[in-house]
Amino acid sequence: MATGSSWAWKPIARDALLARAYHSCDVVRGKLLLFGGLKSGEPKEPPLGDMVAFDPTLLTAETVAPDGGYQRSHHDAAVLADRWLCVVGGWDGTHRVSAVCCWDTERGQWERWAEGPSNDPPVGLSSHTCTKVSEHELRVVGREGGLRTQRRFASIYTLRVNPATKTYWYKEEESRTASRAGHSAMLLRNTGGYQLVVFGGRDSSDCEVAGRWGKGKIHVESIHAPKLTEQLSRLVGSENGSQQAPKGLRHQSCTVVGPFAVAFGGETLTRGRDTICNDLYVYDTRCSPPSWFCFPCSDRGQKRVGHRTCLWNDKLYLVGGFGPDGKTPCPEICVLEIP
């Protein structure tokens, strides 16, 4: 068990199917669906294209879809109507892509969705974020670029999706953020409604707002996690917070839990050696302005990069990622324990 001063990642299952990094992991119909990613840190190794389901009740993993021709890594995904896993962009082994493909959990098959007539897609996206705003709208934040060129800023896109017609279309927003890749996006409540806050993915500690919506504009069910919320409240109550976000961190995980956002691990850009991290960060929005709290971990074996965290049934799961050497995938699934 990897421990900090007052928290721990407790391993609950181990399976070679889970050993991957830069994948997506989303909860659909009570199971964690892992898609794509990389099996090693070798630059020329193609991404995975299989879909693996982890059952948090039985603690078992199984392949629900072999490689179907949709290899991806450094992508992001969103769940629509608790049925479709909507995979957006990523690296296909040859190019950065912006195309959308969906796994229909009800039919057990892939669907390649078509571009709508007003689609204005990015050239390519990887290490971006895709945040669900409603069943028909996603907000994508990322640095557009092809194989050889990348923009000096990150673009913000509204991505409309229609499961009935199996179509999608991008619209680039007028606002932009600083150039970021491997950042995190947090959809957070505020007094007027919601805002999407991005951090990380560059050598700074700046947070930026990538979208604001009124109370009636966001149609996303918040996951009820009363026990974990209370534990996080107790955890931050024992420390002094800071206004500064983690500096120079990328490819960390981040999950919103009630009024908190929980970030873990990642790769730091602030030093040349031993760059993989194992610190736990909690962002507390209950105060104004919100505060960051850092909880270090002494166990080097729990260093992670390119991993994911998922909230389900009042538990936060840590899934996959490369370990301390930055190239060996971790086959364990852990849950966050706060005594």
Protein backbone atom coordinates (compact mmCIF):
# COMPACT_ATOMS: atom_id res chain seq x y z
CA MET A 1 0.00 0.00 0.00
CA ALA A 2 1.39 3.39 -1.01
CA THR A 3 0.99 5.85 1.82
CA GLY A 4 1.23 9.55 2.32
CA SER A 5 0.97 11.10 5.76
CA SER A 6 -2.79 10.60 5.81
CA TRP A 7 -3.84 8.80 2.62
CA ALA A 8 -3.08 5.63 0.69
CA TRP A 9 -3.57 3.93 -2.67
CA LYS A 10 -4.73 0.41 -1.85
CA PRO A 11 -4.32 -2.21 -4.61
CA ILE A 12 -7.53 -4.20 -5.14
CA ALA A 13 -6.84 -6.08 -8.39
CA ARG A 14 -4.04 -6.91 -10.80
CA ASP A 15 -4.42 -8.01 -14.42
CA ALA A 16 -2.17 -7.77 -17.48
CA LEU A 17 -5.13 -6.41 -19.47
CA LEU A 18 -5.01 -3.26 -17.34
CA ALA A 19 -1.30 -2.59 -17.98
CA ARG A 20 -1.32 0.43 -20.28
CA ALA A 21 -0.76 4.19 -20.24
CA TYR A 22 -2.18 7.21 -22.06
CA HIS A 23 -5.49 5.38 -22.34
CA SER A 24 -9.01 6.49 -21.46
CA CYS A 25 -11.02 5.10 -18.55
CA ASP A 26 -14.72 5.86 -18.10
CA VAL A 27 -17.60 4.39 -16.12
CA VAL A 28 -20.38 2.95 -18.28
CA ARG A 29 -23.22 0.89 -16.77
CA GLY A 30 -21.30 0.25 -13.56
CA LYS A 31 -18.07 -0.91 -15.19
CA LEU A 32 -14.79 0.84 -15.89
CA LEU A 33 -14.11 0.80 -19.64
CA LEU A 34 -10.46 1.13 -20.63
CA PHE A 35 -9.74 1.91 -24.25
CA GLY A 36 -6.47 2.15 -26.18
CA GLY A 37 -3.24 3.49 -24.78
CA LEU A 38 0.34 2.27 -24.97
CA LYS A 39 1.95 -0.93 -23.68
CA SER A 40 5.48 0.48 -23.54
CA GLY A 41 7.48 3.67 -23.80
CA GLU A 42 8.94 2.68 -27.17
CA PRO A 43 8.32 5.60 -29.58
CA LYS A 44 7.54 3.39 -32.58
CA GLU A 45 5.14 1.01 -30.85
CA PRO A 46 1.60 1.51 -32.20
CA PRO A 47 -1.25 2.32 -29.83
CA LEU A 48 -3.65 -0.33 -28.56
CA GLY A 49 -7.14 -0.63 -30.01
CA ASP A 50 -8.83 -3.01 -27.58
CA MET A 51 -11.59 -2.30 -25.06
CA VAL A 52 -11.28 -3.78 -21.56
CA ALA A 53 -14.03 -3.77 -18.91
CA PHE A 54 -13.20 -3.88 -15.21
CA ASP A 55 -16.00 -4.93 -12.87
CA PRO A 56 -15.47 -3.10 -9.52
CA THR A 57 -17.81 -5.51 -7.75
CA LEU A 58 -16.26 -8.78 -8.93
CA LEU A 59 -12.77 -7.22 -9.28
CA THR A 60 -12.31 -8.90 -12.67
CA ALA A 61 -11.15 -7.61 -16.05
CA GLU A 62 -12.12 -8.92 -19.48
CA THR A 63 -11.68 -7.89 -23.10
CA VAL A 64 -15.06 -6.79 -24.48
CA ALA A 65 -13.76 -5.74 -27.88
CA PRO A 66 -10.51 -6.81 -29.54
CA ASP A 67 -8.61 -4.38 -31.72
CA GLY A 68 -11.24 -3.12 -34.17
CA GLY A 69 -9.06 -0.81 -36.22
CA TYR A 70 -9.44 2.23 -33.97
CA GLN A 71 -6.02 2.34 -32.32
CA ARG A 72 -5.60 5.41 -30.12
CA SER A 73 -3.39 6.85 -27.40
CA HIS A 74 -3.25 10.33 -25.87
CA HIS A 75 -6.99 10.63 -26.66
CA ASP A 76 -9.92 11.51 -24.44
CA ALA A 77 -13.45 10.16 -24.16
CA ALA A 78 -16.90 10.98 -22.81
CA VAL A 79 -19.93 8.83 -22.03
CA LEU A 80 -23.26 9.68 -23.69
CA ALA A 81 -26.59 8.46 -22.25
CA ASP A 82 -24.74 5.78 -20.24
CA ARG A 83 -24.49 3.88 -23.52
CA TRP A 84 -21.98 5.33 -25.99
CA LEU A 85 -18.29 5.74 -25.24
CA CYS A 86 -17.39 8.68 -27.46
CA VAL A 87 -13.65 8.67 -28.27
CA VAL A 88 -12.29 12.02 -29.41
CA GLY A 89 -9.00 12.60 -31.23
CA GLY A 90 -5.63 11.15 -30.21
CA TRP A 91 -2.60 9.53 -31.79
CA ASP A 92 -3.31 6.60 -34.15
CA GLY A 93 0.32 5.53 -34.57
CA THR A 94 0.85 7.70 -37.63
CA HIS A 95 -1.07 10.95 -37.19
CA ARG A 96 -2.77 13.14 -34.63
CA VAL A 97 -6.45 12.87 -35.48
CA SER A 98 -9.60 14.80 -34.57
CA ALA A 99 -12.12 12.19 -35.72
CA VAL A 100 -14.82 10.84 -33.40
CA CYS A 101 -15.63 7.14 -33.03
CA CYS A 102 -18.05 5.55 -30.58
CA TRP A 103 -18.39 2.20 -28.87
CA ASP A 104 -22.05 1.24 -28.45
CA THR A 105 -22.18 -0.76 -25.22
CA GLU A 106 -25.75 -1.91 -25.93
CA ARG A 107 -24.95 -3.41 -29.34
CA GLY A 108 -21.35 -4.26 -28.52
CA GLN A 109 -19.90 -2.68 -31.64
CA TRP A 110 -17.89 0.27 -32.91
CA GLU A 111 -19.53 3.07 -34.86
CA ARG A 112 -17.63 5.55 -36.99
CA TRP A 113 -19.59 8.77 -36.81
CA ALA A 114 -19.74 11.11 -39.79
CA GLU A 115 -18.80 14.78 -39.89
CA GLY A 116 -21.75 17.18 -39.90
CA PRO A 117 -22.17 19.73 -42.70
CA SER A 118 -20.83 22.63 -40.61
CA ASN A 119 -17.87 20.75 -39.16
CA ASP A 120 -14.74 22.86 -38.68
CA PRO A 121 -12.35 20.32 -37.20
CA PRO A 122 -8.86 20.84 -35.79
CA VAL A 123 -5.98 19.49 -37.87
CA GLY A 124 -5.23 17.01 -35.12
CA LEU A 125 -5.46 16.59 -31.37
CA SER A 126 -3.47 14.67 -28.79
CA SER A 127 -2.97 15.08 -25.04
CA HIS A 128 -6.09 17.27 -25.04
CA THR A 129 -9.14 17.22 -22.75
CA CYS A 130 -12.76 16.51 -23.63
CA THR A 131 -15.37 17.52 -21.04
CA LYS A 132 -19.05 16.63 -21.21
CA VAL A 133 -21.40 19.63 -20.99
CA SER A 134 -24.59 17.83 -22.00
CA GLU A 135 -25.67 14.70 -23.90
CA HIS A 136 -25.14 16.66 -27.13
CA GLU A 137 -22.23 18.97 -26.34
CA LEU A 138 -18.59 18.46 -25.34
CA ARG A 139 -15.89 21.07 -24.69
CA VAL A 140 -12.47 20.22 -26.12
CA VAL A 141 -9.32 22.07 -25.05
CA GLY A 142 -6.05 21.28 -26.77
CA ARG A 143 -3.15 22.39 -28.90
CA GLU A 144 -4.03 21.76 -32.51
CA GLY A 145 -1.26 20.41 -34.71
CA GLY A 146 -0.16 17.95 -37.34
CA LEU A 147 2.81 15.62 -37.33
CA ARG A 148 5.50 18.33 -37.58
CA THR A 149 3.83 21.53 -36.37
CA GLN A 150 2.02 22.55 -33.21
CA ARG A 151 0.35 25.88 -32.45
CA ARG A 152 1.78 28.20 -29.81
CA PHE A 153 -1.58 28.32 -28.04
CA ALA A 154 -4.35 25.89 -27.14
CA SER A 155 -7.65 26.17 -28.96
CA ILE A 156 -11.08 25.73 -27.38
CA TYR A 157 -13.72 23.83 -29.35
CA THR A 158 -17.38 23.11 -28.85
CA LEU A 159 -17.99 19.60 -30.16
CA ARG A 160 -21.63 18.84 -30.95
CA VAL A 161 -22.59 15.17 -31.03
CA ASN A 162 -25.82 13.47 -32.12
CA PRO A 163 -26.12 9.76 -31.32
CA ALA A 164 -29.41 9.53 -33.28
CA THR A 165 -27.82 10.59 -36.59
CA LYS A 166 -24.29 9.43 -35.63
CA THR A 167 -22.81 12.79 -36.58
CA TYR A 168 -20.49 15.32 -34.96
CA TRP A 169 -19.20 18.78 -35.73
CA TYR A 170 -16.57 21.04 -34.21
CA LYS A 171 -16.79 24.79 -33.76
CA GLU A 172 -13.70 26.73 -32.66
CA GLU A 173 -14.44 29.28 -29.95
CA GLU A 174 -12.99 32.80 -30.10
CA SER A 175 -11.20 32.45 -26.77
CA ARG A 176 -7.97 30.48 -26.36
CA THR A 177 -5.68 29.35 -23.58
CA ALA A 178 -1.91 29.27 -23.30
CA SER A 179 -0.24 26.37 -25.13
CA ARG A 180 -0.94 23.19 -23.16
CA ALA A 181 -0.59 19.43 -23.71
CA GLY A 182 -1.19 16.77 -21.09
CA HIS A 183 -3.22 19.20 -18.98
CA SER A 184 -6.36 18.59 -16.89
CA ALA A 185 -9.81 20.18 -17.11
CA MET A 186 -12.16 20.55 -14.12
CA LEU A 187 -15.86 21.36 -14.54
CA LEU A 188 -16.61 23.18 -11.29
CA ARG A 189 -19.68 24.80 -9.77
CA ASN A 190 -19.58 28.47 -8.82
CA THR A 191 -22.16 31.00 -7.67
CA GLY A 192 -23.37 31.76 -11.19
CA GLY A 193 -23.34 28.23 -12.59
CA TYR A 194 -20.28 26.35 -13.84
CA GLN A 195 -16.83 27.05 -15.19
CA LEU A 196 -14.25 24.83 -16.86
CA VAL A 197 -10.82 25.37 -15.31
CA VAL A 198 -7.66 23.97 -16.93
CA PHE A 199 -4.24 23.56 -15.31
CA GLY A 200 -0.96 21.80 -16.04
CA GLY A 201 0.46 20.77 -19.39
CA ARG A 202 3.02 23.59 -19.45
CA ASP A 203 5.93 24.91 -17.41
CA SER A 204 3.86 27.19 -15.21
CA SER A 205 1.30 27.06 -12.43
CA ASP A 206 -1.32 29.15 -14.24
CA CYS A 207 -4.96 28.11 -14.20
CA GLU A 208 -7.24 29.35 -16.98
CA VAL A 209 -10.98 29.32 -17.56
CA ALA A 210 -11.95 27.57 -20.81
CA GLY A 211 -15.72 28.01 -20.54
CA ARG A 212 -18.52 29.44 -18.43
CA TRP A 213 -22.15 28.32 -18.32
CA GLY A 214 -25.25 29.39 -16.42
CA LYS A 215 -26.97 27.00 -14.02
CA GLY A 216 -29.47 25.77 -16.60
CA LYS A 217 -26.90 25.16 -19.37
CA ILE A 218 -25.04 22.21 -17.87
CA HIS A 219 -26.84 18.88 -18.08
CA VAL A 220 -24.40 16.48 -16.43
CA GLU A 221 -25.32 14.42 -13.40
CA SER A 222 -22.87 14.90 -10.54
CA ILE A 223 -21.73 11.64 -8.99
CA HIS A 224 -22.84 11.28 -5.38
CA ALA A 225 -19.83 10.52 -3.17
CA PRO A 226 -20.70 11.61 0.39
CA LYS A 227 -18.16 9.43 2.20
CA LEU A 228 -15.21 10.39 -0.02
CA THR A 229 -16.24 14.06 0.07
CA GLU A 230 -16.26 13.98 3.87
CA GLN A 231 -12.85 12.26 3.91
CA LEU A 232 -11.36 14.88 1.58
CA SER A 233 -12.82 17.63 3.74
CA ARG A 234 -11.11 16.12 6.76
CA LEU A 235 -7.84 15.69 4.85
CA VAL A 236 -7.55 19.33 3.73
CA GLY A 237 -8.64 20.52 7.17
CA SER A 238 -5.31 19.37 8.56
CA GLU A 239 -3.15 21.43 6.17
CA ASN A 240 -2.62 24.97 4.95
CA GLY A 241 -3.63 25.60 1.34
CA SER A 242 -2.04 27.66 -1.42
CA GLN A 243 -3.46 29.76 -4.25
CA GLN A 244 -0.89 28.27 -6.62
CA ALA A 245 -1.64 25.22 -8.74
CA PRO A 246 1.03 22.51 -9.23
CA LYS A 247 3.79 23.99 -11.39
CA GLY A 248 5.08 22.34 -14.54
CA LEU A 249 2.99 19.17 -14.22
CA ARG A 250 1.65 17.20 -17.19
CA HIS A 251 -0.06 13.87 -17.86
CA GLN A 252 -1.44 13.74 -14.31
CA SER A 253 -4.90 12.43 -13.48
CA CYS A 254 -7.70 14.64 -12.21
CA THR A 255 -11.24 13.82 -11.02
CA VAL A 256 -13.90 16.11 -9.56
CA VAL A 257 -15.40 14.85 -6.27
CA GLY A 258 -18.15 17.15 -5.00
CA PRO A 259 -16.58 20.55 -4.22
CA PHE A 260 -13.08 19.11 -4.65
CA ALA A 261 -10.86 18.13 -7.55
CA VAL A 262 -8.32 15.38 -6.86
CA ALA A 263 -5.14 15.30 -8.98
CA PHE A 264 -2.39 12.70 -8.73
CA GLY A 265 1.00 11.89 -10.19
CA GLY A 266 2.15 13.08 -13.59
CA GLU A 267 5.48 14.23 -14.98
CA THR A 268 7.17 17.40 -13.78
CA LEU A 269 8.85 19.81 -16.18
CA THR A 270 10.73 21.53 -13.36
CA ARG A 271 13.65 19.06 -13.14
CA GLY A 272 15.74 17.00 -15.54
CA ARG A 273 15.88 13.72 -13.59
CA ASP A 274 13.39 11.62 -11.66
CA THR A 275 10.52 13.41 -13.38
CA ILE A 276 7.65 11.00 -12.57
CA CYS A 277 5.62 12.15 -9.55
CA ASN A 278 3.48 10.58 -6.82
CA ASP A 279 2.03 13.61 -5.02
CA LEU A 280 -1.69 13.94 -4.30
CA TYR A 281 -3.26 17.37 -4.87
CA VAL A 282 -6.69 18.47 -3.67
CA TYR A 283 -8.35 21.62 -5.05
CA ASP A 284 -10.92 22.98 -2.61
CA THR A 285 -13.59 25.24 -4.17
CA ARG A 286 -15.55 25.79 -0.95
CA CYS A 287 -13.47 28.86 -0.11
CA SER A 288 -13.01 32.02 -2.18
CA PRO A 289 -10.59 32.05 -3.80
CA PRO A 290 -10.21 28.25 -4.01
CA SER A 291 -7.08 26.64 -2.53
CA TRP A 292 -4.68 23.87 -3.53
CA PHE A 293 -3.42 21.34 -1.00
CA CYS A 294 -0.41 19.07 -1.64
CA PHE A 295 0.05 15.70 0.08
CA PRO A 296 3.41 14.06 -0.76
CA CYS A 297 3.97 10.31 -0.93
CA SER A 298 7.16 8.58 0.24
CA ASP A 299 6.64 5.39 -1.81
CA ARG A 300 8.57 5.68 -5.09
CA GLY A 301 6.78 2.61 -6.40
CA GLN A 302 3.55 4.58 -6.64
CA LYS A 303 4.89 7.12 -9.14
CA ARG A 304 2.59 7.33 -12.15
CA VAL A 305 2.31 9.11 -15.48
CA GLY A 306 -0.28 8.70 -18.24
CA HIS A 307 -2.69 7.03 -15.78
CA ARG A 308 -6.37 7.69 -15.08
CA THR A 309 -8.58 8.09 -12.03
CA CYS A 310 -12.31 7.26 -12.05
CA LEU A 311 -15.03 7.94 -9.49
CA TRP A 312 -17.62 5.23 -8.95
CA ASN A 313 -19.79 4.20 -6.01
CA ASP A 314 -18.08 6.60 -3.59
CA LYS A 315 -14.60 5.29 -4.46
CA LEU A 316 -11.78 6.83 -6.47
CA TYR A 317 -9.98 4.26 -8.65
CA LEU A 318 -6.41 4.60 -9.96
CA VAL A 319 -6.00 2.77 -13.27
CA GLY A 320 -2.86 2.01 -15.28
CA GLY A 321 -0.11 4.44 -16.24
CA PHE A 322 3.65 4.06 -16.54
CA GLY A 323 5.56 3.59 -13.29
CA PRO A 324 8.70 5.27 -11.90
CA ASP A 325 10.81 4.57 -15.01
CA GLY A 326 8.25 6.24 -17.28
CA LYS A 327 8.01 3.24 -19.62
CA THR A 328 6.73 0.18 -17.71
CA PRO A 329 2.91 -0.05 -17.51
CA CYS A 330 1.27 -0.80 -14.17
CA PRO A 331 -1.23 -3.71 -14.11
CA GLU A 332 -2.84 -2.76 -10.79
CA ILE A 333 -6.08 -1.02 -9.98
CA CYS A 334 -6.05 0.83 -6.65
CA VAL A 335 -8.59 2.76 -4.59
CA LEU A 336 -7.86 5.90 -2.60
CA GLU A 337 -8.09 5.36 1.14
CA ILE A 338 -8.23 8.24 3.61
CA PRO A 339 -8.40 6.91 7.20
